[in-house]
Amino acid sequence: MGHLTIQLRPWGVVLAAGILLASCSSAPLLAAPAAGKGHTVHVEVLAQAADGSPMGYLKAKDFVATAQGATLPLAVVRPVLSDKPPTGRTIPTRMLVVVTSPAGDSVQSFKELLSALVPVWQRGWKVAIAKSDDHVTDYALNAAQLQQMWAAPAKSDTSAKEAVGNLGDFMGRRIVMVLAGNQKASTPAPDWLRPLADKEMAQVFVVDGGQPVGVPEMLSGPLSGGYLPPVPAPPTCYGSRCRGIGRTSSPGSEVNVHRAVRDAIHLALGYYDIRVSYPSADPIPTDAMLSLQIKGPSAFQVTAQAYGKSGVPELQITRR
């Protein structure tokens, strides 16, 4: 399953290895539209400012979807953004906790994790744990369920790698939290985890005690005979691994699991489900194009992925 990550600058220029278009494969929808009334294409969008902070202020009027020259109606749905019960439709969230060392499987570590997870249950998140022995639990709806699953013998052969890959089939926000240890003793995430999480459009948080890092470099380059003004370099990471300029720890490096959960909750501000309504119930041709224009600041970055039950168009994203 493919997704598109771009950095948007003034003049609607896309800076992402020269890539403007991305083909996205089909995935299950949250709900099928009413019979005889066309169908819906979902575009999952993670919008961040140049420093990696979430852009949580976008409204439906800030998105314009067009296909074959016609403007299509759309609706915008968000995750649960507070601890109050939601009043409308929301985007579900799944978080997979990956433990990389046996120490992370201890009773004390699990108790700390349960304490940190208190605010996610009231937001409707589902959480699973991939233990260091590759035992992966089912997704739990509350602390009691997770505790029971954590203590029970393994019931499936699903590995941590397969569990990360399976996130791509979930229609909603996806999070991978790696419990790697602390500055004194940590076990790095496996090499496959970040690329696979990126592929499945999952935000990654690594709890390793926080690792020192310098100030990011600046980016400038040629553009149509001129040069872009210096702007913060696009993060060399996706989503939650981008923490902004001047931070004292490396991208995605979290001091503890409590801070990681708070960051994961905060970054939900930049997540949007753009539900684009197609008037025809006919399947979307494989060479069809869906253009999504987003109104934002002079420089920001977007990661997007499209889903559809009746075909998925190629996705083009530009700045309004």
C-alpha atoms as a PDB file:
ATOM      1  CA  MET A   1       0.000   0.000   0.000  1.00  0.00           C
ATOM      2  CA  GLY A   2       1.473   3.343  -1.016  1.00  0.00           C
ATOM      3  CA  HIS A   3       1.225   6.787   0.448  1.00  0.00           C
ATOM      4  CA  LEU A   4       2.465  10.220  -0.536  1.00  0.00           C
ATOM      5  CA  THR A   5       4.645  12.526   1.543  1.00  0.00           C
ATOM      6  CA  ILE A   6       5.291  16.014   0.213  1.00  0.00           C
ATOM      7  CA  GLN A   7       6.624  19.334   1.405  1.00  0.00           C
ATOM      8  CA  LEU A   8       4.555  22.247   0.127  1.00  0.00           C
ATOM      9  CA  ARG A   9       6.218  25.609  -0.461  1.00  0.00           C
ATOM     10  CA  PRO A  10       4.967  28.886  -1.914  1.00  0.00           C
ATOM     11  CA  TRP A  11       3.722  28.738  -5.531  1.00  0.00           C
ATOM     12  CA  GLY A  12       2.323  25.252  -4.950  1.00  0.00           C
ATOM     13  CA  VAL A  13       5.686  23.634  -5.618  1.00  0.00           C
ATOM     14  CA  VAL A  14       6.044  20.047  -4.471  1.00  0.00           C
ATOM     15  CA  LEU A  15       9.443  19.027  -3.112  1.00  0.00           C
ATOM     16  CA  ALA A  16       9.588  15.278  -2.641  1.00  0.00           C
ATOM     17  CA  ALA A  17      12.236  13.794  -4.883  1.00  0.00           C
ATOM     18  CA  GLY A  18      10.355  15.348  -7.791  1.00  0.00           C
ATOM     19  CA  ILE A  19       7.304  13.161  -7.116  1.00  0.00           C
ATOM     20  CA  LEU A  20       3.865  14.698  -7.471  1.00  0.00           C
ATOM     21  CA  LEU A  21       1.615  11.688  -8.045  1.00  0.00           C
ATOM     22  CA  ALA A  22       1.175   8.507  -6.056  1.00  0.00           C
ATOM     23  CA  SER A  23      -0.991   5.484  -6.748  1.00  0.00           C
ATOM     24  CA  CYS A  24      -2.710   4.139  -3.651  1.00  0.00           C
ATOM     25  CA  SER A  25      -4.202   0.679  -3.351  1.00  0.00           C
ATOM     26  CA  SER A  26      -7.660  -0.150  -2.049  1.00  0.00           C
ATOM     27  CA  ALA A  27      -8.465  -0.683   1.600  1.00  0.00           C
ATOM     28  CA  PRO A  28     -11.711  -1.232   3.556  1.00  0.00           C
ATOM     29  CA  LEU A  29     -13.844   1.838   4.133  1.00  0.00           C
ATOM     30  CA  LEU A  30     -15.356   2.923   7.420  1.00  0.00           C
ATOM     31  CA  ALA A  31     -18.817   2.791   5.897  1.00  0.00           C
ATOM     32  CA  ALA A  32     -20.222   2.297   2.410  1.00  0.00           C
ATOM     33  CA  PRO A  33     -22.397   5.087   0.957  1.00  0.00           C
ATOM     34  CA  ALA A  34     -26.092   4.585   0.389  1.00  0.00           C
ATOM     35  CA  ALA A  35     -27.009   2.447  -2.630  1.00  0.00           C
ATOM     36  CA  GLY A  36     -27.521   4.385  -5.843  1.00  0.00           C
ATOM     37  CA  LYS A  37     -25.864   7.531  -4.485  1.00  0.00           C
ATOM     38  CA  GLY A  38     -22.316   7.164  -5.742  1.00  0.00           C
ATOM     39  CA  HIS A  39     -19.446   6.253  -3.468  1.00  0.00           C
ATOM     40  CA  THR A  40     -16.814   7.783  -1.245  1.00  0.00           C
ATOM     41  CA  VAL A  41     -13.049   7.999  -1.499  1.00  0.00           C
ATOM     42  CA  HIS A  42     -11.274   8.589   1.801  1.00  0.00           C
ATOM     43  CA  VAL A  43      -8.037  10.583   1.791  1.00  0.00           C
ATOM     44  CA  GLU A  44      -6.181  10.284   5.087  1.00  0.00           C
ATOM     45  CA  VAL A  45      -4.103  13.445   5.585  1.00  0.00           C
ATOM     46  CA  LEU A  46      -1.446  14.263   8.176  1.00  0.00           C
ATOM     47  CA  ALA A  47      -0.668  18.002   7.949  1.00  0.00           C
ATOM     48  CA  GLN A  48       2.328  19.509   9.732  1.00  0.00           C
ATOM     49  CA  ALA A  49       4.076  22.859   9.755  1.00  0.00           C
ATOM     50  CA  ALA A  50       7.676  23.100   8.585  1.00  0.00           C
ATOM     51  CA  ASP A  51       8.917  22.442  12.125  1.00  0.00           C
ATOM     52  CA  GLY A  52       6.859  19.270  12.465  1.00  0.00           C
ATOM     53  CA  SER A  53       4.126  20.709  14.682  1.00  0.00           C
ATOM     54  CA  PRO A  54       0.571  19.585  13.808  1.00  0.00           C
ATOM     55  CA  MET A  55      -1.677  21.884  11.796  1.00  0.00           C
ATOM     56  CA  GLY A  56      -4.855  21.463  13.806  1.00  0.00           C
ATOM     57  CA  TYR A  57      -6.802  24.468  12.548  1.00  0.00           C
ATOM     58  CA  LEU A  58      -7.808  23.311   9.050  1.00  0.00           C
ATOM     59  CA  LYS A  59     -11.522  23.277   8.213  1.00  0.00           C
ATOM     60  CA  ALA A  60     -13.529  21.742   5.382  1.00  0.00           C
ATOM     61  CA  LYS A  61     -13.291  25.047   3.486  1.00  0.00           C
ATOM     62  CA  ASP A  62      -9.488  24.682   3.433  1.00  0.00           C
ATOM     63  CA  PHE A  63      -9.715  21.555   1.244  1.00  0.00           C
ATOM     64  CA  VAL A  64     -10.871  21.479  -2.382  1.00  0.00           C
ATOM     65  CA  ALA A  65     -11.225  18.172  -4.245  1.00  0.00           C
ATOM     66  CA  THR A  66     -11.563  18.039  -8.031  1.00  0.00           C
ATOM     67  CA  ALA A  67     -11.770  15.267 -10.618  1.00  0.00           C
ATOM     68  CA  GLN A  68     -11.949  15.758 -14.383  1.00  0.00           C
ATOM     69  CA  GLY A  69     -12.339  19.490 -13.849  1.00  0.00           C
ATOM     70  CA  ALA A  70     -15.346  19.186 -11.540  1.00  0.00           C
ATOM     71  CA  THR A  71     -15.335  20.127  -7.869  1.00  0.00           C
ATOM     72  CA  LEU A  72     -16.487  17.258  -5.655  1.00  0.00           C
ATOM     73  CA  PRO A  73     -18.296  17.618  -2.320  1.00  0.00           C
ATOM     74  CA  LEU A  74     -16.302  16.565   0.719  1.00  0.00           C
ATOM     75  CA  ALA A  75     -16.569  16.182   4.462  1.00  0.00           C
ATOM     76  CA  VAL A  76     -13.784  16.377   7.042  1.00  0.00           C
ATOM     77  CA  VAL A  77     -13.649  14.014  10.025  1.00  0.00           C
ATOM     78  CA  ARG A  78     -11.120  14.242  12.878  1.00  0.00           C
ATOM     79  CA  PRO A  79      -9.894  11.889  15.624  1.00  0.00           C
ATOM     80  CA  VAL A  80     -11.163  12.392  19.172  1.00  0.00           C
ATOM     81  CA  LEU A  81      -9.175  15.446  20.256  1.00  0.00           C
ATOM     82  CA  SER A  82     -10.183  15.713  23.921  1.00  0.00           C
ATOM     83  CA  ASP A  83     -11.205  13.563  26.847  1.00  0.00           C
ATOM     84  CA  LYS A  84     -14.820  14.588  26.390  1.00  0.00           C
ATOM     85  CA  PRO A  85     -17.219  12.243  24.543  1.00  0.00           C
ATOM     86  CA  PRO A  86     -17.269  13.120  20.810  1.00  0.00           C
ATOM     87  CA  THR A  87     -20.393  14.784  19.460  1.00  0.00           C
ATOM     88  CA  GLY A  88     -20.028  13.582  15.852  1.00  0.00           C
ATOM     89  CA  ARG A  89     -18.149  11.187  13.625  1.00  0.00           C
ATOM     90  CA  THR A  90     -14.521  10.556  14.477  1.00  0.00           C
ATOM     91  CA  ILE A  91     -11.483   8.731  13.091  1.00  0.00           C
ATOM     92  CA  PRO A  92     -10.618   5.574  15.066  1.00  0.00           C
ATOM     93  CA  THR A  93      -7.049   5.098  16.307  1.00  0.00           C
ATOM     94  CA  ARG A  94      -4.942   1.978  16.762  1.00  0.00           C
ATOM     95  CA  MET A  95      -1.654   1.930  18.624  1.00  0.00           C
ATOM     96  CA  LEU A  96       0.786  -0.985  18.487  1.00  0.00           C
ATOM     97  CA  VAL A  97       3.333  -1.020  21.318  1.00  0.00           C
ATOM     98  CA  VAL A  98       6.535  -2.825  20.256  1.00  0.00           C
ATOM     99  CA  VAL A  99       8.834  -3.978  23.075  1.00  0.00           C
ATOM    100  CA  THR A 100      12.439  -4.488  21.925  1.00  0.00           C
ATOM    101  CA  SER A 101      14.058  -5.957  25.067  1.00  0.00           C
ATOM    102  CA  PRO A 102      13.037  -8.516  27.730  1.00  0.00           C
ATOM    103  CA  ALA A 103      13.309  -5.778  30.375  1.00  0.00           C
ATOM    104  CA  GLY A 104      10.437  -4.034  28.695  1.00  0.00           C
ATOM    105  CA  ASP A 105       8.256  -7.097  29.308  1.00  0.00           C
ATOM    106  CA  SER A 106       8.613  -6.814  33.087  1.00  0.00           C
ATOM    107  CA  VAL A 107       5.623  -6.328  35.341  1.00  0.00           C
ATOM    108  CA  GLN A 108       6.933  -2.930  36.403  1.00  0.00           C
ATOM    109  CA  SER A 109       7.308  -1.752  32.792  1.00  0.00           C
ATOM    110  CA  PHE A 110       3.799  -2.946  31.998  1.00  0.00           C
ATOM    111  CA  LYS A 111       2.379  -1.097  35.011  1.00  0.00           C
ATOM    112  CA  GLU A 112       4.077   2.092  33.826  1.00  0.00           C
ATOM    113  CA  LEU A 113       2.622   1.576  30.357  1.00  0.00           C
ATOM    114  CA  LEU A 114      -0.889   1.086  31.765  1.00  0.00           C
ATOM    115  CA  SER A 115      -0.512   4.289  33.776  1.00  0.00           C
ATOM    116  CA  ALA A 116       0.547   6.219  30.673  1.00  0.00           C
ATOM    117  CA  LEU A 117      -2.341   4.834  28.618  1.00  0.00           C
ATOM    118  CA  VAL A 118      -5.096   6.155  30.911  1.00  0.00           C
ATOM    119  CA  PRO A 119      -5.988   9.125  28.642  1.00  0.00           C
ATOM    120  CA  VAL A 120      -6.150   7.070  25.424  1.00  0.00           C
ATOM    121  CA  TRP A 121      -9.008   4.814  26.514  1.00  0.00           C
ATOM    122  CA  GLN A 122     -11.423   7.721  26.926  1.00  0.00           C
ATOM    123  CA  ARG A 123     -10.524   8.771  23.386  1.00  0.00           C
ATOM    124  CA  GLY A 124     -11.572   5.378  22.031  1.00  0.00           C
ATOM    125  CA  TRP A 125      -8.099   4.138  21.062  1.00  0.00           C
ATOM    126  CA  LYS A 126      -7.385   0.433  20.669  1.00  0.00           C
ATOM    127  CA  VAL A 127      -3.979  -0.793  21.873  1.00  0.00           C
ATOM    128  CA  ALA A 128      -2.025  -4.000  21.253  1.00  0.00           C
ATOM    129  CA  ILE A 129       1.403  -5.078  22.506  1.00  0.00           C
ATOM    130  CA  ALA A 130       4.134  -6.919  20.577  1.00  0.00           C
ATOM    131  CA  LYS A 131       6.346  -8.362  23.331  1.00  0.00           C
ATOM    132  CA  SER A 132      10.060  -8.946  22.895  1.00  0.00           C
ATOM    133  CA  ASP A 133       9.410 -12.683  22.341  1.00  0.00           C
ATOM    134  CA  ASP A 134       7.208 -11.745  19.326  1.00  0.00           C
ATOM    135  CA  HIS A 135       3.992 -12.559  21.194  1.00  0.00           C
ATOM    136  CA  VAL A 136       1.446 -10.072  19.846  1.00  0.00           C
ATOM    137  CA  THR A 137      -1.790  -9.455  21.727  1.00  0.00           C
ATOM    138  CA  ASP A 138      -5.120  -8.579  20.174  1.00  0.00           C
ATOM    139  CA  TYR A 139      -6.233  -4.950  20.265  1.00  0.00           C
ATOM    140  CA  ALA A 140      -7.781  -3.984  23.594  1.00  0.00           C
ATOM    141  CA  LEU A 141     -10.488  -1.415  24.283  1.00  0.00           C
ATOM    142  CA  ASN A 142      -9.523  -0.769  27.901  1.00  0.00           C
ATOM    143  CA  ALA A 143      -6.831  -1.392  30.496  1.00  0.00           C
ATOM    144  CA  ALA A 144      -8.477  -4.523  31.902  1.00  0.00           C
ATOM    145  CA  GLN A 145      -8.611  -6.164  28.474  1.00  0.00           C
ATOM    146  CA  LEU A 146      -5.004  -5.282  27.738  1.00  0.00           C
ATOM    147  CA  GLN A 147      -3.825  -6.640  31.082  1.00  0.00           C
ATOM    148  CA  GLN A 148      -5.640  -9.912  30.494  1.00  0.00           C
ATOM    149  CA  MET A 149      -4.200 -10.262  26.976  1.00  0.00           C
ATOM    150  CA  TRP A 150      -0.684  -9.359  28.148  1.00  0.00           C
ATOM    151  CA  ALA A 151      -0.721 -12.068  30.815  1.00  0.00           C
ATOM    152  CA  ALA A 152      -2.290 -14.765  28.630  1.00  0.00           C
ATOM    153  CA  PRO A 153      -0.224 -17.280  26.611  1.00  0.00           C
ATOM    154  CA  ALA A 154       0.309 -16.444  22.952  1.00  0.00           C
ATOM    155  CA  LYS A 155      -2.676 -17.455  20.823  1.00  0.00           C
ATOM    156  CA  SER A 156      -1.416 -16.532  17.367  1.00  0.00           C
ATOM    157  CA  ASP A 157       1.740 -16.784  15.286  1.00  0.00           C
ATOM    158  CA  THR A 158       1.647 -13.118  14.269  1.00  0.00           C
ATOM    159  CA  SER A 159       5.071 -11.495  14.611  1.00  0.00           C
ATOM    160  CA  ALA A 160       5.787  -7.874  15.484  1.00  0.00           C
ATOM    161  CA  LYS A 161       6.751  -7.210  11.865  1.00  0.00           C
ATOM    162  CA  GLU A 162       3.492  -8.686  10.610  1.00  0.00           C
ATOM    163  CA  ALA A 163       1.547  -6.663  13.177  1.00  0.00           C
ATOM    164  CA  VAL A 164       3.108  -3.421  11.920  1.00  0.00           C
ATOM    165  CA  GLY A 165       2.338  -4.444   8.336  1.00  0.00           C
ATOM    166  CA  ASN A 166      -1.272  -5.237   9.259  1.00  0.00           C
ATOM    167  CA  LEU A 167      -1.818  -1.643  10.346  1.00  0.00           C
ATOM    168  CA  GLY A 168      -2.126  -0.765   6.672  1.00  0.00           C
ATOM    169  CA  ASP A 169      -5.481  -2.580   6.554  1.00  0.00           C
ATOM    170  CA  PHE A 170      -6.909  -0.410   9.311  1.00  0.00           C
ATOM    171  CA  MET A 171      -9.025   2.540   8.237  1.00  0.00           C
ATOM    172  CA  GLY A 172      -7.966   5.184  10.734  1.00  0.00           C
ATOM    173  CA  ARG A 173      -5.004   6.733  12.502  1.00  0.00           C
ATOM    174  CA  ARG A 174      -2.099   4.325  13.148  1.00  0.00           C
ATOM    175  CA  ILE A 175       0.600   4.604  15.786  1.00  0.00           C
ATOM    176  CA  VAL A 176       3.641   2.471  16.576  1.00  0.00           C
ATOM    177  CA  MET A 177       5.258   3.061  19.971  1.00  0.00           C
ATOM    178  CA  VAL A 178       8.621   1.376  20.534  1.00  0.00           C
ATOM    179  CA  LEU A 179       9.648   0.706  24.135  1.00  0.00           C
ATOM    180  CA  ALA A 180      13.424   0.643  23.662  1.00  0.00           C
ATOM    181  CA  GLY A 181      14.630   1.460  27.191  1.00  0.00           C
ATOM    182  CA  ASN A 182      16.480   4.516  28.495  1.00  0.00           C
ATOM    183  CA  GLN A 183      19.789   6.346  28.023  1.00  0.00           C
ATOM    184  CA  LYS A 184      21.629   3.848  30.247  1.00  0.00           C
ATOM    185  CA  ALA A 185      20.298   0.720  28.567  1.00  0.00           C
ATOM    186  CA  SER A 186      18.291   0.607  25.371  1.00  0.00           C
ATOM    187  CA  THR A 187      17.645  -1.873  22.577  1.00  0.00           C
ATOM    188  CA  PRO A 188      17.163  -0.026  19.262  1.00  0.00           C
ATOM    189  CA  ALA A 189      14.144  -0.687  17.097  1.00  0.00           C
ATOM    190  CA  PRO A 190      14.819  -3.277  14.379  1.00  0.00           C
ATOM    191  CA  ASP A 191      15.966  -1.901  11.025  1.00  0.00           C
ATOM    192  CA  TRP A 192      12.744  -2.933   9.301  1.00  0.00           C
ATOM    193  CA  LEU A 193      10.417  -1.041  11.651  1.00  0.00           C
ATOM    194  CA  ARG A 194      10.691   2.557  10.485  1.00  0.00           C
ATOM    195  CA  PRO A 195      10.488   1.842   6.722  1.00  0.00           C
ATOM    196  CA  LEU A 196       7.555  -0.513   7.242  1.00  0.00           C
ATOM    197  CA  ALA A 197       5.744   1.924   9.517  1.00  0.00           C
ATOM    198  CA  ASP A 198       6.275   4.669   6.933  1.00  0.00           C
ATOM    199  CA  LYS A 199       4.870   2.399   4.236  1.00  0.00           C
ATOM    200  CA  GLU A 200       1.738   1.796   6.282  1.00  0.00           C
ATOM    201  CA  MET A 201       1.419   5.510   7.190  1.00  0.00           C
ATOM    202  CA  ALA A 202       1.909   4.829  10.895  1.00  0.00           C
ATOM    203  CA  GLN A 203       3.359   7.478  13.202  1.00  0.00           C
ATOM    204  CA  VAL A 204       6.344   6.226  15.211  1.00  0.00           C
ATOM    205  CA  PHE A 205       7.422   7.103  18.760  1.00  0.00           C
ATOM    206  CA  VAL A 206      10.589   5.591  20.255  1.00  0.00           C
ATOM    207  CA  VAL A 207      10.907   5.602  24.051  1.00  0.00           C
ATOM    208  CA  ASP A 208      14.668   5.470  24.640  1.00  0.00           C
ATOM    209  CA  GLY A 209      15.284   8.105  27.295  1.00  0.00           C
ATOM    210  CA  GLY A 210      15.912  10.868  24.779  1.00  0.00           C
ATOM    211  CA  GLN A 211      19.125  11.057  22.736  1.00  0.00           C
ATOM    212  CA  PRO A 212      21.115  14.307  22.196  1.00  0.00           C
ATOM    213  CA  VAL A 213      21.119  15.820  18.735  1.00  0.00           C
ATOM    214  CA  GLY A 214      22.297  19.019  17.065  1.00  0.00           C
ATOM    215  CA  VAL A 215      20.303  21.716  15.307  1.00  0.00           C
ATOM    216  CA  PRO A 216      18.791  20.620  11.943  1.00  0.00           C
ATOM    217  CA  GLU A 217      20.303  21.916   8.735  1.00  0.00           C
ATOM    218  CA  MET A 218      18.550  24.459   6.548  1.00  0.00           C
ATOM    219  CA  LEU A 219      17.339  23.839   3.010  1.00  0.00           C
ATOM    220  CA  SER A 220      17.696  26.036  -0.047  1.00  0.00           C
ATOM    221  CA  GLY A 221      17.788  25.160  -3.697  1.00  0.00           C
ATOM    222  CA  PRO A 222      17.062  26.206  -7.285  1.00  0.00           C
ATOM    223  CA  LEU A 223      13.520  26.866  -8.452  1.00  0.00           C
ATOM    224  CA  SER A 224      12.589  28.046 -11.955  1.00  0.00           C
ATOM    225  CA  GLY A 225      15.787  30.032 -12.405  1.00  0.00           C
ATOM    226  CA  GLY A 226      15.722  31.385  -8.860  1.00  0.00           C
ATOM    227  CA  TYR A 227      16.240  30.020  -5.385  1.00  0.00           C
ATOM    228  CA  LEU A 228      13.968  29.040  -2.581  1.00  0.00           C
ATOM    229  CA  PRO A 229      14.364  31.177   0.518  1.00  0.00           C
ATOM    230  CA  PRO A 230      16.039  29.274   3.365  1.00  0.00           C
ATOM    231  CA  VAL A 231      13.454  27.234   5.278  1.00  0.00           C
ATOM    232  CA  PRO A 232      13.786  24.484   7.855  1.00  0.00           C
ATOM    233  CA  ALA A 233      14.925  21.289   6.183  1.00  0.00           C
ATOM    234  CA  PRO A 234      12.113  18.810   5.627  1.00  0.00           C
ATOM    235  CA  PRO A 235      12.321  16.292   8.451  1.00  0.00           C
ATOM    236  CA  THR A 236      14.154  13.101   7.588  1.00  0.00           C
ATOM    237  CA  CYS A 237      11.337  11.263   9.271  1.00  0.00           C
ATOM    238  CA  TYR A 238       7.606  10.851   9.045  1.00  0.00           C
ATOM    239  CA  GLY A 239       4.924  12.160  11.304  1.00  0.00           C
ATOM    240  CA  SER A 240       5.557  11.918  15.010  1.00  0.00           C
ATOM    241  CA  ARG A 241       9.298  11.442  14.572  1.00  0.00           C
ATOM    242  CA  CYS A 242       9.456  15.131  13.614  1.00  0.00           C
ATOM    243  CA  ARG A 243       9.601  17.230  16.730  1.00  0.00           C
ATOM    244  CA  GLY A 244      10.717  20.656  15.528  1.00  0.00           C
ATOM    245  CA  ILE A 245      13.837  22.789  15.532  1.00  0.00           C
ATOM    246  CA  GLY A 246      16.190  23.145  18.463  1.00  0.00           C
ATOM    247  CA  ARG A 247      14.890  20.128  20.360  1.00  0.00           C
ATOM    248  CA  THR A 248      17.445  18.543  22.652  1.00  0.00           C
ATOM    249  CA  SER A 249      16.703  14.969  21.645  1.00  0.00           C
ATOM    250  CA  SER A 250      16.741  13.189  18.316  1.00  0.00           C
ATOM    251  CA  PRO A 251      13.599  12.945  16.138  1.00  0.00           C
ATOM    252  CA  GLY A 252      11.169  10.476  17.664  1.00  0.00           C
ATOM    253  CA  SER A 253      13.273  10.034  20.782  1.00  0.00           C
ATOM    254  CA  GLU A 254      11.031  10.130  23.855  1.00  0.00           C
ATOM    255  CA  VAL A 255      12.155  10.512  27.467  1.00  0.00           C
ATOM    256  CA  ASN A 256       9.520   8.112  28.804  1.00  0.00           C
ATOM    257  CA  VAL A 257       6.290   6.418  27.850  1.00  0.00           C
ATOM    258  CA  HIS A 258       4.153   9.091  29.521  1.00  0.00           C
ATOM    259  CA  ARG A 259       5.698  11.804  27.339  1.00  0.00           C
ATOM    260  CA  ALA A 260       5.353   9.602  24.257  1.00  0.00           C
ATOM    261  CA  VAL A 261       1.630   9.079  24.851  1.00  0.00           C
ATOM    262  CA  ARG A 262       1.106  12.817  25.401  1.00  0.00           C
ATOM    263  CA  ASP A 263       2.918  13.553  22.121  1.00  0.00           C
ATOM    264  CA  ALA A 264       0.836  10.951  20.292  1.00  0.00           C
ATOM    265  CA  ILE A 265      -2.354  12.542  21.589  1.00  0.00           C
ATOM    266  CA  HIS A 266      -1.136  16.026  20.644  1.00  0.00           C
ATOM    267  CA  LEU A 267      -0.248  15.064  17.061  1.00  0.00           C
ATOM    268  CA  ALA A 268      -3.807  13.884  16.431  1.00  0.00           C
ATOM    269  CA  LEU A 269      -4.494  17.588  15.876  1.00  0.00           C
ATOM    270  CA  GLY A 270      -2.930  17.356  12.412  1.00  0.00           C
ATOM    271  CA  TYR A 271      -4.826  14.248  11.253  1.00  0.00           C
ATOM    272  CA  TYR A 272      -7.807  14.534   8.906  1.00  0.00           C
ATOM    273  CA  ASP A 273     -10.054  12.097   7.043  1.00  0.00           C
ATOM    274  CA  ILE A 274     -11.186  13.855   3.856  1.00  0.00           C
ATOM    275  CA  ARG A 275     -14.278  12.018   2.590  1.00  0.00           C
ATOM    276  CA  VAL A 276     -14.744  12.866  -1.078  1.00  0.00           C
ATOM    277  CA  SER A 277     -18.127  12.041  -2.612  1.00  0.00           C
ATOM    278  CA  TYR A 278     -18.255  10.788  -6.186  1.00  0.00           C
ATOM    279  CA  PRO A 279     -21.694  11.236  -7.809  1.00  0.00           C
ATOM    280  CA  SER A 280     -21.448   8.075  -9.923  1.00  0.00           C
ATOM    281  CA  ALA A 281     -21.530   4.554  -8.516  1.00  0.00           C
ATOM    282  CA  ASP A 282     -19.342   3.344 -11.387  1.00  0.00           C
ATOM    283  CA  PRO A 283     -15.903   2.048 -10.398  1.00  0.00           C
ATOM    284  CA  ILE A 284     -13.116   4.635 -10.598  1.00  0.00           C
ATOM    285  CA  PRO A 285     -10.751   3.922 -13.525  1.00  0.00           C
ATOM    286  CA  THR A 286      -7.186   3.060 -12.581  1.00  0.00           C
ATOM    287  CA  ASP A 287      -5.867   6.079 -14.490  1.00  0.00           C
ATOM    288  CA  ALA A 288      -8.311   8.547 -12.906  1.00  0.00           C
ATOM    289  CA  MET A 289      -6.929  11.556 -11.063  1.00  0.00           C
ATOM    290  CA  LEU A 290      -8.132  13.090  -7.794  1.00  0.00           C
ATOM    291  CA  SER A 291      -6.693  16.521  -7.034  1.00  0.00           C
ATOM    292  CA  LEU A 292      -6.734  17.786  -3.449  1.00  0.00           C
ATOM    293  CA  GLN A 293      -5.831  21.401  -2.795  1.00  0.00           C
ATOM    294  CA  ILE A 294      -4.974  22.379   0.775  1.00  0.00           C
ATOM    295  CA  LYS A 295      -4.886  25.920   2.132  1.00  0.00           C
ATOM    296  CA  GLY A 296      -2.038  26.422   4.585  1.00  0.00           C
ATOM    297  CA  PRO A 297       0.976  28.547   5.513  1.00  0.00           C
ATOM    298  CA  SER A 298       3.794  29.353   3.091  1.00  0.00           C
ATOM    299  CA  ALA A 299       5.613  26.127   3.956  1.00  0.00           C
ATOM    300  CA  PHE A 300       4.175  22.926   5.350  1.00  0.00           C
ATOM    301  CA  GLN A 301       4.296  19.175   4.796  1.00  0.00           C
ATOM    302  CA  VAL A 302       1.575  16.656   4.090  1.00  0.00           C
ATOM    303  CA  THR A 303       1.441  12.882   4.168  1.00  0.00           C
ATOM    304  CA  ALA A 304      -1.620  11.441   2.451  1.00  0.00           C
ATOM    305  CA  GLN A 305      -3.103   8.088   1.522  1.00  0.00           C
ATOM    306  CA  ALA A 306      -6.302   7.336  -0.411  1.00  0.00           C
ATOM    307  CA  TYR A 307      -8.750   4.478   0.115  1.00  0.00           C
ATOM    308  CA  GLY A 308     -11.760   3.409  -1.871  1.00  0.00           C
ATOM    309  CA  LYS A 309     -14.165   0.508  -2.151  1.00  0.00           C
ATOM    310  CA  SER A 310     -14.886   1.103  -5.850  1.00  0.00           C
ATOM    311  CA  GLY A 311     -11.361   1.924  -6.983  1.00  0.00           C
ATOM    312  CA  VAL A 312      -8.683   4.383  -5.920  1.00  0.00           C
ATOM    313  CA  PRO A 313      -7.618   7.292  -8.131  1.00  0.00           C
ATOM    314  CA  GLU A 314      -4.118   8.666  -8.427  1.00  0.00           C
ATOM    315  CA  LEU A 315      -3.683  11.397  -5.856  1.00  0.00           C
ATOM    316  CA  GLN A 316      -2.363  14.880  -6.581  1.00  0.00           C
ATOM    317  CA  ILE A 317      -1.882  17.320  -3.716  1.00  0.00           C
ATOM    318  CA  THR A 318      -1.097  21.015  -4.146  1.00  0.00           C
ATOM    319  CA  ARG A 319      -1.147  24.129  -2.027  1.00  0.00           C
ATOM    320  CA  ARG A 320      -3.963  26.634  -2.538  1.00  0.00           C
END
